[in-house]
Amino acid sequence: MIFNSIDFAIFLPVVFALYWFVFQRNIRIQNFFLVVASYIFYAWWDWRFLILMTVTILCSYASGLLINKARRESDKTVFRRRARIVVVANIVINLLILGFFKYYNFFVQNFVDAFTLLGKNLNVHTLKIILPVGISFYTFQALSYSIDVYRRKLEPTKDIIAFFAFVSFFPQLVAGPIERATNLLPQFYVKRQFDYLQAANGMRQILWGLFKKIVIADNCAGIVNGIFGNYSMHSANTLLVAAVLFAFQIYGDFSGYSDIAIGTARLFGIKLMRNFAFPYFSRDIAEFWRRWHISLTTWFRDYLYIPLGGSRGSKWQKVRNTFIIFLVSGFWHGANWTFIAWGAYHALLFMPLLLFGKNRKHTDIVAKNRLLPTFRELLSVLTTFVLVVIGWIIFRAENISQAFDYMLEICSSSLFLMPTIGKRVILPPVIFIVLFIIVEWFGRKKEYAIEAIPVRQTFRWMIYIIIVMFIIIAGGVSDQFIYFQF
């Protein structure tokens, strides 16, 4: 079930009504209902994958209880050893499940290719494995629980229903935000009261998320897919346009999903973490990564970068840790060398900022307390955007060779020829993007852009109606959310 479908348009109000009007009195029954709704939501793709999610949930739940048992029954030395065994076992089990479904064919194919280069032909076959939707997201969310219990940042829960609700909560189940147990799990312990203002805020964020997905991302998707699929047939300037459109496609698609997820959670009295903070207004790559897919970047920071030593130690250790974090982040996105290359590319861009201590230079919004940026800020934002677009070419390409060919074609003399794509095709998404950038710019101080709409009711409703009309009339061909494949 996807957010921009008729199925979800029916599913959400039914779940909402039952949640608040039938199951509100008892928190455990309300949580159990959320688990059932979440399982139905996930089973809409393939009910068989519910087994995998359940295994992940049960393993992580049991690990918390076992760590707590070791803490009560053992001295400090024995506890550390037993608890470490438990948390490592849980991590290994979950990563093996994730690795098999997501990376098995990748490793097998590269193993065979390596021996082929050495003159040995191996008769090893890949498997027809279907990647379970959202497995990377709910696996990392479950792992955060056992790790935080081990670190004593969180008391292990004995409420298995609340834990199931924490991992399987349907708004963010398949594409995040990747929540921390310390933030989300305690919200399932307490009775939730309906808050009209919070629900209205959630509906606004859902509306804006649908605009991003349907009007921005889906309108860009058709053009981008057509040009990337036949890039050798197009002029350089057309390829450049497609690269820029893909930058807005993936941003509109993924941040749109996050907005819908966060807004939907608000309808149920649940607060999810922010996942995007206007990343294309960043003034350097470090700022971009503080604003893009925040739940994943902070996950890797907390559970990989800091345990490796973080920014402590020598410059060599800082460089090593940074490259590890970016390479792993790239590999998390999928079983393709393009994602690893994309991660390495961003690590290289990050290096000068890290080595010269400039990686924390921009921690506030651009043009704070001003209507427009200075020329220097504008130049920094545009430069960062260009660098990010180059990275998106690598990310979008089918393989490394195609990525290099694509970039070489952009640098060719055909950059100065007439575009091979008509104005009627390219003009609508460009107009939508310009309007989108303007709204995002004026709303950049808020959590999401249209949260900043003036309070006068008549004006607000006029804006809502215009957005709905854009979604209905100007929406592109419906396309699945990009990050479902990760």
Protein backbone atom coordinates (compact mmCIF):
# COMPACT_ATOMS: atom_id res chain seq x y z
CA MET A 1 0.00 0.00 0.00
CA ILE A 2 1.43 3.37 -0.97
CA PHE A 3 0.51 6.79 0.36
CA ASN A 4 -0.58 8.18 -3.02
CA SER A 5 -3.09 5.40 -3.71
CA ILE A 6 -6.85 5.01 -3.44
CA ASP A 7 -6.24 2.06 -1.11
CA PHE A 8 -4.48 4.28 1.42
CA ALA A 9 -7.08 7.03 1.01
CA ILE A 10 -9.65 4.50 2.27
CA PHE A 11 -7.35 2.76 4.77
CA LEU A 12 -6.25 5.88 6.67
CA PRO A 13 -9.65 7.36 7.65
CA VAL A 14 -10.96 3.90 8.64
CA VAL A 15 -7.94 3.28 10.89
CA PHE A 16 -8.13 6.82 12.24
CA ALA A 17 -11.82 6.48 13.17
CA LEU A 18 -11.40 3.09 14.86
CA TYR A 19 -8.25 4.24 16.66
CA TRP A 20 -9.89 7.29 18.29
CA PHE A 21 -13.55 6.30 18.60
CA VAL A 22 -13.42 2.56 19.32
CA PHE A 23 -10.06 1.68 20.88
CA GLN A 24 -9.14 4.86 22.76
CA ARG A 25 -10.08 3.73 26.28
CA ASN A 26 -7.41 1.04 26.69
CA ILE A 27 -3.82 1.86 25.67
CA ARG A 28 -2.82 -1.79 25.15
CA ILE A 29 -5.83 -2.49 22.94
CA GLN A 30 -5.14 0.73 21.03
CA ASN A 31 -1.52 -0.31 20.51
CA PHE A 32 -2.62 -3.80 19.47
CA PHE A 33 -4.97 -2.25 16.92
CA LEU A 34 -2.05 -0.19 15.54
CA VAL A 35 -0.01 -3.38 15.18
CA VAL A 36 -2.87 -5.09 13.30
CA ALA A 37 -3.32 -2.03 11.05
CA SER A 38 0.43 -1.90 10.40
CA TYR A 39 0.55 -5.59 9.50
CA ILE A 40 -2.36 -5.14 7.09
CA PHE A 41 -0.60 -2.11 5.59
CA TYR A 42 2.62 -4.09 5.07
CA ALA A 43 0.87 -7.27 3.89
CA TRP A 44 -0.66 -5.26 1.02
CA TRP A 45 2.63 -5.88 -0.88
CA ASP A 46 3.29 -9.49 0.13
CA TRP A 47 2.04 -11.09 3.34
CA ARG A 48 4.92 -13.59 3.36
CA PHE A 49 7.40 -10.87 4.29
CA LEU A 50 5.54 -10.35 7.56
CA ILE A 51 7.43 -13.40 8.79
CA LEU A 52 10.78 -11.65 8.31
CA MET A 53 9.62 -8.51 10.09
CA THR A 54 8.24 -10.60 12.95
CA VAL A 55 11.55 -12.44 13.33
CA THR A 56 13.39 -9.11 13.49
CA ILE A 57 10.95 -7.79 16.10
CA LEU A 58 11.09 -10.91 18.28
CA CYS A 59 14.89 -11.15 18.16
CA SER A 60 15.32 -7.52 19.16
CA TYR A 61 12.66 -7.76 21.87
CA ALA A 62 14.25 -10.90 23.33
CA SER A 63 17.71 -9.30 23.24
CA GLY A 64 16.50 -6.52 25.53
CA LEU A 65 15.14 -9.00 28.06
CA LEU A 66 18.32 -11.11 27.96
CA ILE A 67 20.54 -8.06 28.44
CA ASN A 68 18.42 -7.03 31.43
CA LYS A 69 18.59 -10.56 32.87
CA ALA A 70 22.38 -10.56 32.57
CA ARG A 71 22.48 -7.18 34.31
CA ARG A 72 20.44 -8.47 37.28
CA GLU A 73 22.16 -11.82 37.69
CA SER A 74 25.81 -11.04 37.00
CA ASP A 75 28.60 -8.85 38.25
CA LYS A 76 29.84 -6.04 36.01
CA THR A 77 32.49 -8.10 34.22
CA VAL A 78 30.23 -11.08 33.52
CA PHE A 79 27.36 -8.74 32.58
CA ARG A 80 29.45 -6.93 29.97
CA ARG A 81 30.52 -10.23 28.42
CA ARG A 82 27.04 -11.76 28.35
CA ALA A 83 25.33 -8.57 27.24
CA ARG A 84 27.89 -8.09 24.47
CA ILE A 85 27.23 -11.64 23.23
CA VAL A 86 23.47 -10.98 23.18
CA VAL A 87 23.63 -7.64 21.37
CA VAL A 88 26.20 -8.92 18.85
CA ALA A 89 24.09 -12.04 18.20
CA ASN A 90 21.02 -9.89 17.57
CA ILE A 91 22.96 -7.61 15.22
CA VAL A 92 24.40 -10.57 13.32
CA ILE A 93 21.03 -12.33 12.93
CA ASN A 94 19.31 -9.21 11.65
CA LEU A 95 22.15 -8.20 9.35
CA LEU A 96 22.34 -11.73 7.94
CA ILE A 97 18.63 -11.54 7.05
CA LEU A 98 19.10 -8.10 5.54
CA GLY A 99 22.30 -9.17 3.77
CA PHE A 100 20.77 -12.27 2.22
CA PHE A 101 17.75 -10.54 0.73
CA LYS A 102 19.51 -7.36 -0.28
CA TYR A 103 23.10 -8.31 -1.11
CA TYR A 104 23.32 -12.06 -1.82
CA ASN A 105 23.19 -11.75 -5.61
CA PHE A 106 25.56 -8.77 -5.54
CA PHE A 107 28.26 -10.70 -3.68
CA VAL A 108 27.77 -13.86 -5.73
CA GLN A 109 28.00 -11.99 -9.04
CA ASN A 110 31.11 -10.06 -7.99
CA PHE A 111 32.70 -13.27 -6.68
CA VAL A 112 32.12 -14.93 -10.06
CA ASP A 113 33.37 -11.86 -11.96
CA ALA A 114 36.56 -11.76 -9.88
CA PHE A 115 37.40 -15.37 -10.72
CA THR A 116 36.52 -14.78 -14.38
CA LEU A 117 39.19 -12.06 -14.51
CA LEU A 118 41.66 -14.63 -13.20
CA GLY A 119 40.68 -17.07 -15.95
CA LYS A 120 38.48 -19.28 -13.79
CA ASN A 121 34.86 -19.72 -14.81
CA LEU A 122 32.68 -20.63 -11.84
CA ASN A 123 29.27 -22.20 -12.30
CA VAL A 124 27.54 -20.31 -9.48
CA HIS A 125 24.02 -19.04 -10.03
CA THR A 126 22.25 -16.09 -8.50
CA LEU A 127 18.79 -16.47 -6.96
CA LYS A 128 15.52 -14.80 -7.86
CA ILE A 129 15.21 -12.92 -4.58
CA ILE A 130 12.50 -10.33 -4.04
CA LEU A 131 13.68 -7.52 -1.80
CA PRO A 132 11.19 -7.07 1.08
CA VAL A 133 9.90 -3.50 1.11
CA GLY A 134 11.40 -1.39 3.90
CA ILE A 135 13.67 -4.12 5.29
CA SER A 136 16.62 -1.71 5.62
CA PHE A 137 14.49 0.75 7.58
CA TYR A 138 12.78 -1.51 10.11
CA THR A 139 15.97 -3.56 10.63
CA PHE A 140 17.97 -0.48 11.61
CA GLN A 141 15.13 0.75 13.81
CA ALA A 142 14.98 -2.57 15.68
CA LEU A 143 18.78 -2.67 16.06
CA SER A 144 18.79 0.77 17.67
CA TYR A 145 16.68 -0.66 20.52
CA SER A 146 19.01 -3.49 21.51
CA ILE A 147 22.08 -1.27 21.18
CA ASP A 148 20.53 1.45 23.35
CA VAL A 149 19.50 -1.11 25.97
CA TYR A 150 23.05 -2.43 25.99
CA ARG A 151 24.39 1.11 26.43
CA ARG A 152 21.87 1.72 29.25
CA LYS A 153 20.27 4.58 27.39
CA LEU A 154 16.95 2.79 27.58
CA GLU A 155 15.28 0.35 29.95
CA PRO A 156 14.23 -2.87 28.20
CA THR A 157 10.49 -3.14 27.69
CA LYS A 158 8.36 -6.05 28.84
CA ASP A 159 5.39 -4.73 26.85
CA ILE A 160 5.66 -6.81 23.70
CA ILE A 161 2.63 -5.13 22.09
CA ALA A 162 4.20 -1.68 22.50
CA PHE A 163 7.43 -3.04 21.03
CA PHE A 164 5.63 -4.51 18.01
CA ALA A 165 3.93 -1.13 17.54
CA PHE A 166 7.30 0.66 17.77
CA VAL A 167 8.94 -1.37 14.99
CA SER A 168 5.92 -1.88 12.72
CA PHE A 169 4.24 1.55 13.05
CA PHE A 170 2.82 1.84 9.53
CA PRO A 171 3.41 5.55 8.67
CA GLN A 172 7.19 5.13 8.79
CA LEU A 173 7.50 1.38 8.35
CA VAL A 174 8.71 1.13 4.76
CA ALA A 175 10.76 4.31 4.18
CA GLY A 176 11.38 5.96 7.52
CA PRO A 177 12.16 8.13 9.30
CA ILE A 178 14.32 5.52 11.05
CA GLU A 179 13.24 6.16 14.62
CA ARG A 180 15.22 5.68 17.82
CA ALA A 181 13.65 3.53 20.50
CA THR A 182 14.44 6.29 23.00
CA ASN A 183 12.08 8.63 21.13
CA LEU A 184 9.30 6.47 19.71
CA LEU A 185 8.91 3.49 22.07
CA PRO A 186 7.98 5.54 25.21
CA GLN A 187 5.14 7.14 23.23
CA PHE A 188 3.39 3.77 23.13
CA TYR A 189 3.44 3.51 26.93
CA VAL A 190 1.22 6.51 27.64
CA LYS A 191 -2.42 7.20 26.86
CA ARG A 192 -2.78 9.50 23.87
CA GLN A 193 -5.38 12.24 23.69
CA PHE A 194 -6.71 13.59 20.42
CA ASP A 195 -5.30 17.05 19.73
CA TYR A 196 -7.11 18.98 16.99
CA LEU A 197 -4.23 21.42 16.42
CA GLN A 198 -1.73 18.57 16.13
CA ALA A 199 -4.02 16.68 13.74
CA ALA A 200 -4.57 19.80 11.62
CA ASN A 201 -0.81 20.30 11.50
CA GLY A 202 -0.47 16.68 10.41
CA MET A 203 -2.99 17.14 7.61
CA ARG A 204 -1.10 20.20 6.34
CA GLN A 205 2.15 18.20 6.29
CA ILE A 206 0.45 15.32 4.49
CA LEU A 207 -0.89 17.76 1.90
CA TRP A 208 2.55 19.23 1.32
CA GLY A 209 4.08 15.77 1.09
CA LEU A 210 1.55 14.75 -1.54
CA PHE A 211 2.35 17.91 -3.51
CA LYS A 212 6.06 17.07 -3.43
CA LYS A 213 5.45 13.51 -4.55
CA ILE A 214 2.65 13.89 -7.10
CA VAL A 215 3.36 17.32 -8.60
CA ILE A 216 7.15 17.59 -8.30
CA ALA A 217 8.55 14.03 -8.23
CA ASP A 218 6.07 12.31 -10.54
CA ASN A 219 6.23 15.10 -13.16
CA CYS A 220 10.01 14.84 -13.19
CA ALA A 221 10.06 11.03 -13.19
CA GLY A 222 8.73 10.47 -16.72
CA ILE A 223 11.26 12.85 -18.28
CA VAL A 224 14.16 11.58 -16.18
CA ASN A 225 13.43 7.91 -16.88
CA GLY A 226 13.14 8.55 -20.62
CA ILE A 227 16.42 10.51 -20.86
CA PHE A 228 18.50 8.30 -18.55
CA GLY A 229 17.20 5.23 -20.36
CA ASN A 230 18.44 6.57 -23.73
CA TYR A 231 21.08 9.09 -22.69
CA SER A 232 23.27 8.48 -25.73
CA MET A 233 20.47 9.82 -27.96
CA HIS A 234 20.28 13.23 -26.28
CA SER A 235 22.33 16.41 -26.33
CA ALA A 236 24.47 17.49 -23.40
CA ASN A 237 22.12 20.24 -22.27
CA THR A 238 19.22 17.77 -22.23
CA LEU A 239 21.27 15.40 -20.08
CA LEU A 240 22.07 18.28 -17.74
CA VAL A 241 18.38 19.16 -17.45
CA ALA A 242 17.54 15.52 -16.68
CA ALA A 243 20.20 15.43 -13.93
CA VAL A 244 18.74 18.55 -12.31
CA LEU A 245 15.22 17.16 -12.64
CA PHE A 246 16.33 13.93 -10.97
CA ALA A 247 17.70 15.96 -8.05
CA PHE A 248 14.22 17.39 -7.53
CA GLN A 249 12.56 14.06 -8.27
CA ILE A 250 14.41 12.21 -5.53
CA TYR A 251 14.02 15.10 -3.09
CA GLY A 252 10.31 15.53 -3.80
CA ASP A 253 9.79 11.78 -3.68
CA PHE A 254 11.67 10.96 -0.48
CA SER A 255 11.03 14.11 1.54
CA GLY A 256 7.41 13.92 0.33
CA TYR A 257 7.15 10.42 1.78
CA SER A 258 8.69 11.63 5.04
CA ASP A 259 6.24 14.53 5.26
CA ILE A 260 3.28 12.19 4.72
CA ALA A 261 4.67 9.74 7.29
CA ILE A 262 5.29 12.41 9.92
CA GLY A 263 1.93 14.06 9.24
CA THR A 264 0.09 10.73 9.42
CA ALA A 265 1.78 9.92 12.73
CA ARG A 266 0.54 13.26 14.10
CA LEU A 267 -3.03 12.14 13.38
CA PHE A 268 -2.47 9.29 15.84
CA GLY A 269 -0.83 11.47 18.49
CA ILE A 270 2.68 10.22 17.67
CA LYS A 271 5.68 12.49 17.11
CA LEU A 272 8.28 11.28 14.60
CA MET A 273 11.68 12.86 14.08
CA ARG A 274 12.33 15.30 11.27
CA ASN A 275 13.96 13.71 8.23
CA PHE A 276 14.65 16.63 5.86
CA ALA A 277 15.50 20.28 6.55
CA PHE A 278 15.58 22.01 3.14
CA PRO A 279 18.85 20.34 2.05
CA TYR A 280 19.13 22.16 -1.30
CA PHE A 281 19.64 25.44 0.57
CA SER A 282 22.89 24.08 2.05
CA ARG A 283 26.10 26.07 1.71
CA ASP A 284 28.49 23.11 1.78
CA ILE A 285 28.39 19.31 1.69
CA ALA A 286 28.60 18.98 5.46
CA GLU A 287 25.50 21.11 5.87
CA PHE A 288 23.78 19.12 3.12
CA TRP A 289 24.29 15.89 5.07
CA ARG A 290 22.96 17.47 8.25
CA ARG A 291 19.77 18.27 6.32
CA TRP A 292 19.35 15.23 4.03
CA HIS A 293 17.86 11.94 5.34
CA ILE A 294 18.57 13.05 8.89
CA SER A 295 17.34 9.86 10.53
CA LEU A 296 19.85 7.72 8.59
CA THR A 297 22.84 10.05 8.88
CA THR A 298 22.33 10.43 12.64
CA TRP A 299 21.87 6.64 12.94
CA PHE A 300 25.24 6.03 11.36
CA ARG A 301 26.74 8.81 13.47
CA ASP A 302 25.44 7.34 16.74
CA TYR A 303 25.93 3.63 16.07
CA LEU A 304 28.97 3.52 13.78
CA TYR A 305 30.91 6.80 13.54
CA ILE A 306 31.11 7.57 17.27
CA PRO A 307 31.94 3.96 18.28
CA LEU A 308 34.78 4.05 15.72
CA GLY A 309 36.17 7.09 17.51
CA GLY A 310 34.25 9.83 15.74
CA SER A 311 36.23 13.03 15.38
CA ARG A 312 38.57 12.13 18.20
CA GLY A 313 42.11 11.02 17.56
CA SER A 314 44.46 11.82 14.73
CA LYS A 315 43.53 13.28 11.35
CA TRP A 316 44.09 9.86 9.81
CA GLN A 317 41.48 8.36 12.15
CA LYS A 318 39.03 11.14 11.31
CA VAL A 319 39.55 10.52 7.59
CA ARG A 320 39.19 6.76 8.04
CA ASN A 321 35.99 7.08 10.06
CA THR A 322 34.48 9.54 7.61
CA PHE A 323 35.18 7.31 4.62
CA ILE A 324 33.74 4.29 6.44
CA ILE A 325 30.55 6.14 7.29
CA PHE A 326 30.02 7.39 3.75
CA LEU A 327 30.87 4.07 2.09
CA VAL A 328 28.56 2.14 4.42
CA SER A 329 25.85 4.74 3.88
CA GLY A 330 26.22 4.32 0.13
CA PHE A 331 26.13 0.52 0.38
CA TRP A 332 23.03 0.71 2.61
CA HIS A 333 21.16 2.19 -0.37
CA GLY A 334 21.56 -0.87 -2.53
CA ALA A 335 23.58 -3.69 -4.00
CA ASN A 336 25.32 -1.75 -6.75
CA TRP A 337 28.79 -0.25 -7.11
CA THR A 338 27.15 3.03 -8.10
CA PHE A 339 25.92 3.53 -4.53
CA ILE A 340 29.36 2.80 -3.11
CA ALA A 341 30.90 5.22 -5.62
CA TRP A 342 28.28 7.80 -4.65
CA GLY A 343 29.25 7.41 -1.01
CA ALA A 344 32.97 7.69 -1.83
CA TYR A 345 32.30 10.80 -3.92
CA HIS A 346 30.60 12.55 -1.01
CA ALA A 347 33.38 11.44 1.34
CA LEU A 348 35.91 13.12 -0.95
CA LEU A 349 33.82 16.31 -1.01
CA PHE A 350 33.64 16.19 2.79
CA MET A 351 37.41 15.81 3.28
CA PRO A 352 38.53 19.45 2.85
CA LEU A 353 35.86 20.61 5.29
CA LEU A 354 36.91 18.00 7.83
CA LEU A 355 40.65 18.56 7.53
CA PHE A 356 40.37 22.35 7.81
CA GLY A 357 37.78 22.23 10.59
CA LYS A 358 35.03 23.79 8.44
CA ASN A 359 32.51 20.94 8.68
CA ARG A 360 30.50 22.71 11.42
CA LYS A 361 30.66 26.16 9.85
CA HIS A 362 27.01 26.34 8.78
CA THR A 363 24.67 25.13 11.51
CA ASP A 364 21.84 27.62 11.03
CA ILE A 365 19.56 28.38 8.09
CA VAL A 366 20.85 30.35 5.14
CA ALA A 367 20.01 34.08 5.09
CA LYS A 368 18.83 34.02 8.69
CA ASN A 369 16.69 37.08 9.53
CA ARG A 370 16.98 38.23 5.90
CA LEU A 371 14.66 37.92 2.93
CA LEU A 372 17.39 37.10 0.41
CA PRO A 373 20.84 35.53 0.66
CA THR A 374 24.01 37.49 0.09
CA PHE A 375 25.85 36.92 -3.18
CA ARG A 376 28.39 34.77 -1.34
CA GLU A 377 25.65 32.64 0.23
CA LEU A 378 23.90 32.26 -3.11
CA LEU A 379 27.14 31.19 -4.77
CA SER A 380 27.79 28.66 -1.99
CA VAL A 381 24.27 27.23 -2.28
CA LEU A 382 24.51 26.91 -6.08
CA THR A 383 27.99 25.35 -5.91
CA THR A 384 26.82 22.81 -3.35
CA PHE A 385 23.75 22.01 -5.44
CA VAL A 386 25.88 21.40 -8.55
CA LEU A 387 28.15 19.04 -6.58
CA VAL A 388 25.11 17.20 -5.24
CA VAL A 389 23.64 16.88 -8.76
CA ILE A 390 26.87 15.28 -9.98
CA GLY A 391 26.51 12.78 -7.17
CA TRP A 392 22.91 12.08 -8.16
CA ILE A 393 24.09 11.15 -11.67
CA ILE A 394 26.24 8.42 -10.12
CA PHE A 395 23.37 7.40 -7.84
CA ARG A 396 20.83 7.20 -10.71
CA ALA A 397 23.04 5.39 -13.23
CA GLU A 398 22.66 1.66 -13.82
CA ASN A 399 26.41 1.11 -13.44
CA ILE A 400 29.70 2.99 -13.04
CA SER A 401 30.37 2.97 -16.78
CA GLN A 402 27.04 4.60 -17.54
CA ALA A 403 27.64 7.26 -14.88
CA PHE A 404 30.98 8.26 -16.44
CA ASP A 405 29.56 8.16 -19.97
CA TYR A 406 26.66 10.35 -18.89
CA MET A 407 28.97 12.95 -17.31
CA LEU A 408 31.33 12.90 -20.30
CA GLU A 409 28.39 13.53 -22.62
CA ILE A 410 27.39 16.57 -20.54
CA CYS A 411 30.90 17.96 -20.99
CA SER A 412 30.76 17.54 -24.78
CA SER A 413 30.26 20.27 -27.38
CA SER A 414 26.58 19.40 -27.70
CA LEU A 415 26.08 21.37 -24.48
CA PHE A 416 25.69 24.41 -26.74
CA LEU A 417 23.22 22.82 -29.19
CA MET A 418 19.45 23.03 -29.08
CA PRO A 419 17.86 20.68 -26.52
CA THR A 420 16.53 17.39 -27.86
CA ILE A 421 13.49 17.60 -25.63
CA GLY A 422 10.56 19.87 -26.44
CA LYS A 423 9.51 22.92 -24.44
CA ARG A 424 6.01 21.53 -23.94
CA VAL A 425 7.52 18.53 -22.16
CA ILE A 426 10.06 20.35 -20.01
CA LEU A 427 8.20 23.57 -19.22
CA PRO A 428 5.53 22.28 -16.76
CA PRO A 429 7.92 20.56 -14.31
CA VAL A 430 10.30 23.54 -14.48
CA ILE A 431 7.46 25.93 -13.56
CA PHE A 432 6.38 23.63 -10.72
CA ILE A 433 9.96 23.44 -9.43
CA VAL A 434 10.37 27.23 -9.47
CA LEU A 435 7.14 27.67 -7.50
CA PHE A 436 8.23 24.87 -5.16
CA ILE A 437 11.60 26.53 -4.49
CA ILE A 438 9.91 29.86 -3.72
CA VAL A 439 7.53 28.27 -1.21
CA GLU A 440 10.35 26.26 0.39
CA TRP A 441 12.52 29.37 0.65
CA PHE A 442 9.89 31.38 2.50
CA GLY A 443 9.09 28.40 4.72
CA ARG A 444 12.67 27.37 5.48
CA LYS A 445 12.44 28.49 9.13
CA LYS A 446 9.73 25.91 9.80
CA GLU A 447 9.77 22.13 9.95
CA TYR A 448 8.04 21.97 6.56
CA ALA A 449 7.33 24.75 4.08
CA ILE A 450 3.59 25.43 4.35
CA GLU A 451 3.66 25.33 8.13
CA ALA A 452 4.55 29.02 7.71
CA ILE A 453 1.26 29.95 6.00
CA PRO A 454 -0.22 33.11 7.60
CA VAL A 455 -2.88 32.48 10.23
CA ARG A 456 -5.82 34.17 8.51
CA GLN A 457 -8.26 31.34 7.89
CA THR A 458 -9.55 32.52 4.49
CA PHE A 459 -6.03 32.85 3.08
CA ARG A 460 -5.00 29.46 4.49
CA TRP A 461 -7.91 27.65 2.89
CA MET A 462 -7.27 29.37 -0.41
CA ILE A 463 -3.70 28.01 -0.36
CA TYR A 464 -4.92 24.53 0.53
CA ILE A 465 -7.42 24.57 -2.35
CA ILE A 466 -4.72 25.69 -4.80
CA ILE A 467 -2.40 22.88 -3.65
CA VAL A 468 -5.20 20.31 -3.99
CA MET A 469 -5.97 21.60 -7.49
CA PHE A 470 -2.29 21.26 -8.44
CA ILE A 471 -2.29 17.68 -7.14
CA ILE A 472 -5.46 16.75 -9.04
CA ILE A 473 -4.86 18.63 -12.29
CA ALA A 474 -1.08 18.89 -12.61
CA GLY A 475 0.01 15.64 -10.98
CA GLY A 476 2.34 13.43 -12.97
CA VAL A 477 1.89 9.76 -13.76
CA SER A 478 1.80 7.91 -10.44
CA ASP A 479 5.12 6.28 -9.66
CA GLN A 480 6.25 4.16 -6.72
CA PHE A 481 8.35 5.93 -4.07
CA ILE A 482 12.03 5.69 -4.96
CA TYR A 483 13.22 4.66 -1.51
CA PHE A 484 10.94 1.61 -1.40
CA GLN A 485 13.72 -0.21 -3.29
CA PHE A 486 16.14 0.42 -0.42
